[in-house]
Amino acid sequence: MPSRSSSIDERNIFIHLARHLPPELVDLIASFVDSRRDLLAFASACRAFKQLIIPYHLDYRVVHCHLDRQSAWSHLVERPDLTRHVRDVYVYDLRSTLQPLPDRVPAAGSREAVNDKASLSTPDKLLRVSQALRSIDNLQEFRWLTGWSSISPEEMEKQLFAEFTLWGAVSQQPTLRRLEVLDMWSDSHPPTGFQSEFNYDTDYYPLWSISNLSALKLRNVNFLRQQNCLHQFSGVLRRSPSLESLCLYASNDSFDLPTLLRGCQFSNLRELRVEVSSWSTSTHREAFACLLEQTPTLEDVTWEFNHAVRPLQARSLPALKQLSAWQSSESHAFGFDLLVDESLPPRKLETIAGFRLTPSSLVKFGRVNRNALRKLELSKFHNIELVVQVANMFPSLTWLAIPSTDYTRDYWRVTKEPVHQ
């Protein structure tokens, strides 16, 4: 067993080496550290590391920035030696319907005035973002959250090609693993804008060439409802066999899931979230059921749609830990079919959300491992006594939620009788 004196000697040796390492070598080592938490621990080792890592690495790992924040984008363009340290980029604008995260930009790029909209047009802003992206050596996550305002046809053509250039810069990042494209629902948005406005061929849009993703999230993007674009984008999924998280949100029933999933196999998929306003055809629901049956690695499944899905084959989803089934009365039984699969041991579910609690469904909750469940969220319940019973069924339960409403007047939305204190 090493003595206390030997450990002190090793610490002194480390401090001595740290003080005499060339800054270029420390900089090179830090460039291989992706996690901000690990970088912070690295910087805490000594003052010399702190003075180099925090301003030149930690401050540049994540960029969350408004498209109009020109001082930040100009700084990233002008300092490619620092921009190459960026790992995650999140671009948004004020026309989006989703609430963005707070800005996170390098301190050196936030000293000037922001949101100076008069100096650059939107196409020029997009081209500046593209320039910054080309300076990044190891981009791992890209989030694109933007809406479009009404612009003239002349400006629209410039904007379409500027966004084409931006996606060209993203697609050339071989290290990209996580992609989110949100709120591009307008028909004027590229890539469909090329075809609808200018009759350009969308088959060669750079977005289609992205591959090897581990996480993909699409919310209200226009190419989900365009058959030719959907066929092209399915290649992104086929070239991402190690995908671990897939989230699809579409508020239009023209979203064609069979086309998107054609030829796809996901041997590592852990998370699946599907939210569609309406699937009126059985082919869409069949594609969803087949995806669940063919993906035994799934641990977290969430769906929200209005039509019933056929029962799954026995022993489907053996690794399931989190199940959220926000559904209509037609699809209500589908979620409970997963709970009562007699071919499997009681499921060790940690989270159940979106289910309705009735006297008959209380029995089905009994098929869940009683010591595993931690979180339960009910969409409706028969009466408050059943809520108490289901809470007593799971001794490890730490979080129980029911819908927020006035249970003395508007109780009928959630339960059959008023609830009094």
Protein backbone atom coordinates (compact mmCIF):
# COMPACT_ATOMS: atom_id res chain seq x y z
CA MET A 1 0.00 0.00 0.00
CA PRO A 2 1.55 3.37 -1.01
CA SER A 3 2.48 5.62 1.88
CA ARG A 4 1.18 9.14 2.36
CA SER A 5 4.62 10.57 1.64
CA SER A 6 4.80 8.79 -1.71
CA SER A 7 1.42 10.22 -2.77
CA ILE A 8 2.62 13.71 -1.82
CA ASP A 9 5.74 13.18 -3.91
CA GLU A 10 3.63 12.14 -6.90
CA ARG A 11 1.50 15.27 -6.50
CA ASN A 12 4.59 17.47 -6.37
CA ILE A 13 5.93 15.81 -9.50
CA PHE A 14 2.61 16.48 -11.28
CA ILE A 15 2.61 20.15 -10.22
CA HIS A 16 6.22 20.50 -11.38
CA LEU A 17 5.43 18.97 -14.77
CA ALA A 18 2.28 21.07 -15.16
CA ARG A 19 4.20 24.27 -14.56
CA HIS A 20 6.81 23.39 -17.15
CA LEU A 21 4.65 21.93 -19.91
CA PRO A 22 4.74 24.09 -23.05
CA PRO A 23 1.42 25.94 -23.54
CA GLU A 24 1.20 24.49 -27.04
CA LEU A 25 1.17 20.97 -25.58
CA VAL A 26 -1.50 21.84 -23.00
CA ASP A 27 -3.56 23.41 -25.77
CA LEU A 28 -3.24 20.27 -27.88
CA ILE A 29 -4.27 18.02 -24.98
CA ALA A 30 -7.28 20.21 -24.18
CA SER A 31 -8.43 20.08 -27.79
CA PHE A 32 -9.09 16.34 -27.35
CA VAL A 33 -11.39 16.89 -24.36
CA ASP A 34 -15.00 17.25 -25.53
CA SER A 35 -16.95 17.50 -22.28
CA ARG A 36 -17.20 20.92 -20.61
CA ARG A 37 -17.24 19.18 -17.23
CA ASP A 38 -13.99 17.37 -17.99
CA LEU A 39 -12.47 20.60 -19.29
CA LEU A 40 -13.41 22.37 -16.07
CA ALA A 41 -11.76 19.60 -14.03
CA PHE A 42 -8.68 19.90 -16.26
CA ALA A 43 -8.59 23.66 -15.75
CA SER A 44 -8.87 23.21 -11.97
CA ALA A 45 -5.64 21.22 -11.81
CA CYS A 46 -3.46 24.32 -11.58
CA ARG A 47 -3.43 28.05 -12.34
CA ALA A 48 -1.45 27.62 -15.54
CA PHE A 49 -4.07 25.24 -16.95
CA LYS A 50 -6.88 27.55 -15.85
CA GLN A 51 -5.43 30.58 -17.66
CA LEU A 52 -5.24 28.65 -20.92
CA ILE A 53 -8.25 26.30 -20.87
CA ILE A 54 -11.07 28.52 -19.61
CA PRO A 55 -10.78 31.45 -22.06
CA TYR A 56 -9.57 29.49 -25.09
CA HIS A 57 -11.36 26.12 -24.78
CA LEU A 58 -14.14 26.06 -22.19
CA ASP A 59 -15.56 29.34 -23.44
CA TYR A 60 -15.78 27.96 -26.99
CA ARG A 61 -17.13 24.44 -26.58
CA VAL A 62 -20.81 25.44 -26.93
CA VAL A 63 -22.25 28.29 -29.02
CA HIS A 64 -25.97 29.07 -28.64
CA CYS A 65 -26.53 32.20 -30.65
CA HIS A 66 -29.22 34.25 -32.35
CA LEU A 67 -28.78 34.61 -36.09
CA ASP A 68 -28.76 38.41 -35.72
CA ARG A 69 -26.00 38.48 -33.12
CA GLN A 70 -23.40 39.66 -35.57
CA SER A 71 -20.65 40.48 -33.10
CA ALA A 72 -20.50 36.83 -32.00
CA TRP A 73 -20.54 35.39 -35.53
CA SER A 74 -17.99 37.96 -36.73
CA HIS A 75 -15.68 36.98 -33.88
CA LEU A 76 -16.00 33.29 -34.76
CA VAL A 77 -15.20 34.05 -38.41
CA GLU A 78 -12.22 36.27 -37.57
CA ARG A 79 -10.68 33.83 -35.05
CA PRO A 80 -10.65 30.40 -36.72
CA ASP A 81 -7.84 29.38 -34.36
CA LEU A 82 -10.38 29.57 -31.50
CA THR A 83 -13.51 28.62 -33.42
CA ARG A 84 -12.00 25.23 -34.17
CA HIS A 85 -12.55 24.37 -30.48
CA VAL A 86 -16.36 24.58 -30.81
CA ARG A 87 -18.26 21.29 -30.43
CA ASP A 88 -21.95 22.28 -30.32
CA VAL A 89 -23.70 25.00 -32.36
CA TYR A 90 -27.30 26.14 -31.88
CA VAL A 91 -28.65 28.79 -34.28
CA TYR A 92 -32.08 30.35 -33.87
CA ASP A 93 -34.06 33.48 -34.75
CA LEU A 94 -37.01 35.36 -33.28
CA ARG A 95 -39.48 34.10 -35.87
CA SER A 96 -39.38 30.61 -34.42
CA THR A 97 -42.43 29.45 -32.46
CA LEU A 98 -40.28 27.54 -29.95
CA GLN A 99 -38.61 29.08 -26.93
CA PRO A 100 -34.84 29.03 -27.44
CA LEU A 101 -32.23 28.45 -24.79
CA PRO A 102 -30.31 31.43 -23.38
CA ASP A 103 -27.45 32.65 -25.54
CA ARG A 104 -24.04 31.19 -24.84
CA VAL A 105 -21.24 32.85 -26.79
CA PRO A 106 -17.52 33.39 -26.21
CA ALA A 107 -16.83 36.35 -23.95
CA ALA A 108 -14.64 37.91 -26.62
CA GLY A 109 -17.57 37.87 -29.04
CA SER A 110 -20.12 39.43 -26.70
CA ARG A 111 -18.41 42.72 -25.90
CA GLU A 112 -19.89 44.63 -28.83
CA ALA A 113 -23.51 45.57 -29.39
CA VAL A 114 -25.74 42.70 -30.48
CA ASN A 115 -28.72 42.41 -32.84
CA ASP A 116 -27.55 45.13 -35.22
CA LYS A 117 -30.00 44.06 -37.94
CA ALA A 118 -29.38 46.96 -40.30
CA SER A 119 -25.81 46.16 -41.26
CA LEU A 120 -26.32 42.74 -42.90
CA SER A 121 -29.14 41.10 -44.82
CA THR A 122 -30.43 37.69 -43.76
CA PRO A 123 -28.58 35.88 -46.60
CA ASP A 124 -25.33 37.57 -45.54
CA LYS A 125 -25.94 36.50 -41.94
CA LEU A 126 -26.44 32.92 -43.06
CA LEU A 127 -23.23 33.04 -45.09
CA ARG A 128 -21.36 34.34 -42.05
CA VAL A 129 -22.62 31.41 -39.98
CA SER A 130 -21.47 29.10 -42.79
CA GLN A 131 -17.99 30.65 -42.62
CA ALA A 132 -17.85 30.06 -38.88
CA LEU A 133 -18.94 26.44 -39.28
CA ARG A 134 -16.13 25.76 -41.76
CA SER A 135 -13.59 26.77 -39.13
CA ILE A 136 -14.77 24.10 -36.68
CA ASP A 137 -12.59 20.99 -36.61
CA ASN A 138 -14.81 18.73 -34.52
CA LEU A 139 -18.47 19.76 -34.71
CA GLN A 140 -20.53 17.18 -32.82
CA GLU A 141 -23.97 18.78 -32.46
CA PHE A 142 -25.88 21.20 -34.68
CA ARG A 143 -29.30 22.63 -33.83
CA TRP A 144 -31.16 24.73 -36.38
CA LEU A 145 -34.24 26.52 -35.05
CA THR A 146 -35.64 29.14 -37.37
CA GLY A 147 -38.76 30.50 -39.03
CA TRP A 148 -39.16 32.58 -42.17
CA SER A 149 -40.81 35.94 -42.59
CA SER A 150 -42.37 37.27 -45.79
CA ILE A 151 -39.68 38.48 -48.19
CA SER A 152 -39.53 39.48 -51.84
CA PRO A 153 -38.83 36.85 -54.55
CA GLU A 154 -35.43 38.47 -55.20
CA GLU A 155 -34.40 38.18 -51.55
CA MET A 156 -35.88 34.71 -51.29
CA GLU A 157 -33.59 33.31 -53.97
CA LYS A 158 -30.55 34.73 -52.16
CA GLN A 159 -31.79 33.32 -48.88
CA LEU A 160 -32.45 29.88 -50.34
CA PHE A 161 -28.90 29.63 -51.65
CA ALA A 162 -27.44 31.04 -48.45
CA GLU A 163 -29.14 28.29 -46.48
CA PHE A 164 -27.96 25.79 -49.09
CA THR A 165 -24.43 26.98 -48.34
CA LEU A 166 -25.01 26.63 -44.61
CA TRP A 167 -26.17 23.02 -44.90
CA GLY A 168 -23.22 22.38 -47.18
CA ALA A 169 -20.91 23.47 -44.34
CA VAL A 170 -22.77 21.25 -41.85
CA SER A 171 -22.76 18.20 -44.12
CA GLN A 172 -18.95 18.46 -44.51
CA GLN A 173 -18.45 17.86 -40.78
CA PRO A 174 -17.50 14.15 -40.49
CA THR A 175 -17.69 14.28 -36.67
CA LEU A 176 -21.32 15.45 -36.54
CA ARG A 177 -23.31 13.08 -34.33
CA ARG A 178 -26.36 15.00 -33.08
CA LEU A 179 -28.69 16.96 -35.37
CA GLU A 180 -31.86 18.92 -34.59
CA VAL A 181 -33.89 20.70 -37.26
CA LEU A 182 -36.86 22.56 -35.81
CA ASP A 183 -39.68 24.76 -37.03
CA MET A 184 -38.92 24.79 -40.78
CA TRP A 185 -42.57 24.27 -41.73
CA SER A 186 -43.04 26.92 -44.40
CA ASP A 187 -43.09 25.71 -48.03
CA SER A 188 -40.63 28.48 -48.86
CA HIS A 189 -38.02 26.88 -46.63
CA PRO A 190 -35.29 24.92 -48.36
CA PRO A 191 -34.98 22.28 -49.53
CA THR A 192 -38.60 22.27 -50.77
CA GLY A 193 -38.39 25.98 -51.52
CA PHE A 194 -36.00 25.23 -54.36
CA GLN A 195 -38.58 23.12 -56.12
CA SER A 196 -41.70 25.16 -55.35
CA GLU A 197 -40.24 28.60 -56.07
CA PHE A 198 -37.45 28.08 -58.59
CA ASN A 199 -37.95 24.54 -59.89
CA TYR A 200 -34.47 23.41 -58.87
CA ASP A 201 -33.69 19.74 -58.33
CA THR A 202 -33.77 18.88 -54.63
CA ASP A 203 -32.13 15.46 -55.06
CA TYR A 204 -28.67 16.92 -54.43
CA TYR A 205 -29.45 19.07 -51.41
CA PRO A 206 -26.47 18.85 -49.01
CA LEU A 207 -28.67 17.92 -46.03
CA TRP A 208 -29.20 14.47 -47.58
CA SER A 209 -25.48 13.59 -47.40
CA ILE A 210 -25.25 13.66 -43.58
CA SER A 211 -24.46 10.29 -42.02
CA ASN A 212 -23.36 8.45 -38.86
CA LEU A 213 -25.69 10.32 -36.52
CA SER A 214 -26.30 9.14 -32.97
CA ALA A 215 -29.25 11.48 -32.30
CA LEU A 216 -31.80 13.06 -34.67
CA LYS A 217 -34.69 15.36 -33.82
CA LEU A 218 -37.08 16.78 -36.43
CA ARG A 219 -39.95 19.07 -35.47
CA ASN A 220 -42.31 20.54 -38.06
CA VAL A 221 -39.85 20.44 -40.94
CA ASN A 222 -41.33 20.82 -44.37
CA PHE A 223 -39.50 17.94 -46.05
CA LEU A 224 -41.38 15.49 -43.80
CA ARG A 225 -44.46 16.12 -45.94
CA GLN A 226 -42.72 16.17 -49.35
CA GLN A 227 -42.44 12.66 -50.78
CA ASN A 228 -39.31 13.23 -52.87
CA CYS A 229 -37.48 14.98 -50.03
CA LEU A 230 -38.59 12.36 -47.52
CA HIS A 231 -37.20 9.62 -49.76
CA GLN A 232 -33.85 11.44 -49.94
CA PHE A 233 -33.71 12.10 -46.20
CA SER A 234 -34.37 8.43 -45.41
CA GLY A 235 -30.83 7.86 -46.66
CA VAL A 236 -29.56 9.82 -43.64
CA LEU A 237 -31.22 7.23 -41.38
CA ARG A 238 -29.94 4.29 -43.41
CA ARG A 239 -26.42 5.66 -43.14
CA SER A 240 -26.79 6.07 -39.37
CA PRO A 241 -27.02 2.45 -38.13
CA SER A 242 -25.72 3.45 -34.68
CA LEU A 243 -28.54 5.93 -34.08
CA GLU A 244 -29.45 6.01 -30.38
CA SER A 245 -32.17 8.68 -30.27
CA LEU A 246 -34.89 9.45 -32.85
CA CYS A 247 -37.53 12.14 -32.25
CA LEU A 248 -40.14 12.99 -34.90
CA TYR A 249 -42.82 15.66 -34.51
CA ALA A 250 -45.20 16.47 -37.37
CA SER A 251 -48.41 18.49 -37.27
CA ASN A 252 -49.48 17.37 -40.73
CA ASP A 253 -50.96 13.98 -41.65
CA SER A 254 -49.04 13.87 -44.95
CA PHE A 255 -45.95 12.76 -43.01
CA ASP A 256 -45.11 9.34 -44.53
CA LEU A 257 -43.40 7.18 -41.91
CA PRO A 258 -43.05 4.05 -44.13
CA THR A 259 -41.04 6.03 -46.69
CA LEU A 260 -38.82 7.53 -44.00
CA LEU A 261 -38.04 4.15 -42.40
CA ARG A 262 -37.71 2.09 -45.59
CA GLY A 263 -34.57 -0.04 -45.40
CA CYS A 264 -33.55 1.28 -41.96
CA GLN A 265 -32.23 -0.92 -39.16
CA PHE A 266 -31.33 0.48 -35.76
CA SER A 267 -29.30 -1.92 -33.63
CA ASN A 268 -28.51 0.67 -30.93
CA LEU A 269 -31.68 2.78 -30.76
CA ARG A 270 -32.47 3.61 -27.12
CA GLU A 271 -34.95 6.51 -27.38
CA LEU A 272 -37.93 6.90 -29.73
CA ARG A 273 -40.40 9.79 -29.66
CA VAL A 274 -43.14 10.10 -32.27
CA GLU A 275 -45.79 12.81 -32.21
CA VAL A 276 -48.08 13.08 -35.23
CA SER A 277 -51.39 14.93 -35.45
CA SER A 278 -53.12 12.16 -37.39
CA TRP A 279 -52.28 8.86 -39.05
CA SER A 280 -55.43 8.00 -40.93
CA THR A 281 -53.96 5.09 -42.91
CA SER A 282 -53.06 1.69 -41.53
CA THR A 283 -49.70 1.66 -43.36
CA HIS A 284 -48.34 4.39 -41.07
CA ARG A 285 -49.48 2.60 -37.92
CA GLU A 286 -48.10 -0.68 -39.23
CA ALA A 287 -44.70 0.93 -39.86
CA PHE A 288 -44.67 2.24 -36.29
CA ALA A 289 -45.58 -1.20 -34.88
CA CYS A 290 -42.88 -2.91 -36.98
CA LEU A 291 -40.29 -0.39 -35.78
CA LEU A 292 -41.11 -1.23 -32.15
CA GLU A 293 -41.00 -4.98 -32.81
CA GLN A 294 -37.70 -4.83 -34.68
CA THR A 295 -35.89 -2.66 -32.13
CA PRO A 296 -35.39 -4.66 -28.92
CA THR A 297 -32.82 -2.15 -27.63
CA LEU A 298 -35.45 0.57 -27.02
CA GLU A 299 -35.52 1.79 -23.43
CA ASP A 300 -37.49 5.06 -23.73
CA VAL A 301 -40.60 5.19 -25.97
CA THR A 302 -43.02 8.11 -26.31
CA TRP A 303 -45.86 8.43 -28.78
CA GLU A 304 -48.79 10.75 -29.30
CA PHE A 305 -51.32 10.16 -32.06
CA ASN A 306 -55.04 9.52 -32.44
CA HIS A 307 -55.51 6.08 -33.97
CA ALA A 308 -55.16 2.56 -32.66
CA VAL A 309 -52.08 0.44 -33.36
CA ARG A 310 -52.26 -3.33 -33.61
CA PRO A 311 -50.95 -5.39 -30.67
CA LEU A 312 -47.23 -6.08 -30.86
CA GLN A 313 -45.71 -9.52 -31.10
CA ALA A 314 -44.93 -11.29 -27.84
CA ARG A 315 -41.66 -10.33 -26.12
CA SER A 316 -41.45 -6.96 -27.90
CA LEU A 317 -39.44 -4.17 -26.22
CA PRO A 318 -37.79 -6.34 -23.54
CA ALA A 319 -35.46 -3.51 -22.41
CA LEU A 320 -38.22 -0.90 -21.97
CA LYS A 321 -37.72 1.41 -18.95
CA GLN A 322 -39.72 4.54 -19.80
CA LEU A 323 -43.10 4.50 -21.53
CA SER A 324 -45.15 7.60 -22.35
CA ALA A 325 -48.35 7.00 -24.28
CA TRP A 326 -50.28 10.22 -24.82
CA GLN A 327 -53.17 8.90 -26.87
CA SER A 328 -56.85 9.07 -27.75
CA SER A 329 -59.48 6.59 -26.61
CA GLU A 330 -58.90 4.58 -29.82
CA SER A 331 -55.22 4.01 -29.12
CA HIS A 332 -55.55 3.76 -25.35
CA ALA A 333 -55.46 -0.05 -25.25
CA PHE A 334 -52.19 -0.25 -27.17
CA GLY A 335 -50.12 1.07 -24.26
CA PHE A 336 -51.66 -1.35 -21.80
CA ASP A 337 -50.94 -4.26 -24.17
CA LEU A 338 -47.26 -3.52 -23.57
CA LEU A 339 -47.74 -3.64 -19.80
CA VAL A 340 -49.47 -7.04 -19.76
CA ASP A 341 -47.18 -9.04 -22.07
CA GLU A 342 -47.40 -12.43 -20.33
CA SER A 343 -44.38 -13.74 -22.25
CA LEU A 344 -42.08 -11.40 -20.32
CA PRO A 345 -41.36 -11.03 -16.61
CA PRO A 346 -43.00 -7.99 -14.97
CA ARG A 347 -41.54 -5.00 -16.80
CA LYS A 348 -39.01 -2.98 -14.82
CA LEU A 349 -40.46 0.33 -15.93
CA GLU A 350 -39.08 3.40 -14.18
CA THR A 351 -41.46 5.91 -15.80
CA ILE A 352 -45.05 5.59 -17.00
CA ALA A 353 -46.84 8.65 -18.41
CA GLY A 354 -50.04 9.44 -20.30
CA PHE A 355 -52.12 6.47 -19.13
CA ARG A 356 -55.71 6.53 -17.87
CA LEU A 357 -56.46 5.00 -14.51
CA THR A 358 -59.67 2.97 -14.32
CA PRO A 359 -60.67 -0.07 -12.22
CA SER A 360 -59.72 -2.38 -15.12
CA SER A 361 -56.44 -0.62 -15.87
CA LEU A 362 -55.44 -0.77 -12.20
CA VAL A 363 -55.17 -4.54 -12.61
CA LYS A 364 -52.91 -4.07 -15.61
CA PHE A 365 -50.63 -1.77 -13.64
CA GLY A 366 -50.06 -4.80 -11.44
CA ARG A 367 -48.00 -6.36 -14.24
CA VAL A 368 -45.30 -3.73 -13.70
CA ASN A 369 -42.40 -4.50 -11.36
CA ARG A 370 -43.52 -2.80 -8.16
CA ASN A 371 -40.03 -1.92 -6.95
CA ALA A 372 -38.88 -0.35 -10.23
CA LEU A 373 -41.43 2.41 -10.90
CA ARG A 374 -40.24 5.87 -9.83
CA LYS A 375 -42.41 8.26 -11.84
CA LEU A 376 -46.11 8.01 -12.74
CA GLU A 377 -48.10 10.64 -14.65
CA LEU A 378 -51.80 10.04 -15.28
CA SER A 379 -53.82 11.68 -18.07
CA LYS A 380 -57.20 10.79 -16.50
CA PHE A 381 -58.44 8.82 -13.50
CA HIS A 382 -61.77 7.26 -12.48
CA ASN A 383 -61.72 8.61 -8.92
CA ILE A 384 -59.26 9.80 -6.31
CA GLU A 385 -59.44 6.50 -4.43
CA LEU A 386 -57.88 4.72 -7.42
CA VAL A 387 -55.02 7.24 -7.42
CA VAL A 388 -54.33 6.37 -3.78
CA GLN A 389 -54.43 2.66 -4.59
CA VAL A 390 -52.02 2.89 -7.51
CA ALA A 391 -49.62 4.99 -5.38
CA ASN A 392 -49.65 2.31 -2.69
CA MET A 393 -48.87 -0.37 -5.28
CA PHE A 394 -45.40 1.08 -5.93
CA PRO A 395 -43.35 1.64 -2.76
CA SER A 396 -40.42 3.19 -4.67
CA LEU A 397 -42.60 5.86 -6.32
CA THR A 398 -41.06 9.32 -5.90
CA TRP A 399 -43.12 11.39 -8.36
CA LEU A 400 -46.87 11.22 -9.05
CA ALA A 401 -48.67 13.73 -11.30
CA ILE A 402 -52.30 14.28 -12.30
CA PRO A 403 -53.58 16.97 -14.69
CA SER A 404 -53.79 20.49 -13.32
CA THR A 405 -57.42 21.66 -13.26
CA ASP A 406 -60.18 22.93 -10.98
CA TYR A 407 -61.36 19.68 -9.44
CA THR A 408 -64.48 21.26 -7.98
CA ARG A 409 -65.83 22.69 -11.27
CA ASP A 410 -63.89 21.43 -14.30
CA TYR A 411 -63.23 17.96 -12.92
CA TRP A 412 -65.16 16.31 -15.78
CA ARG A 413 -62.17 16.83 -18.10
CA VAL A 414 -60.08 14.50 -15.97
CA THR A 415 -62.29 12.41 -13.68
CA LYS A 416 -65.94 11.43 -13.15
CA GLU A 417 -66.63 13.21 -9.90
CA PRO A 418 -65.39 16.34 -8.10
CA VAL A 419 -62.45 16.09 -5.73
CA HIS A 420 -62.77 17.96 -2.43
CA GLN A 421 -60.17 18.61 0.22
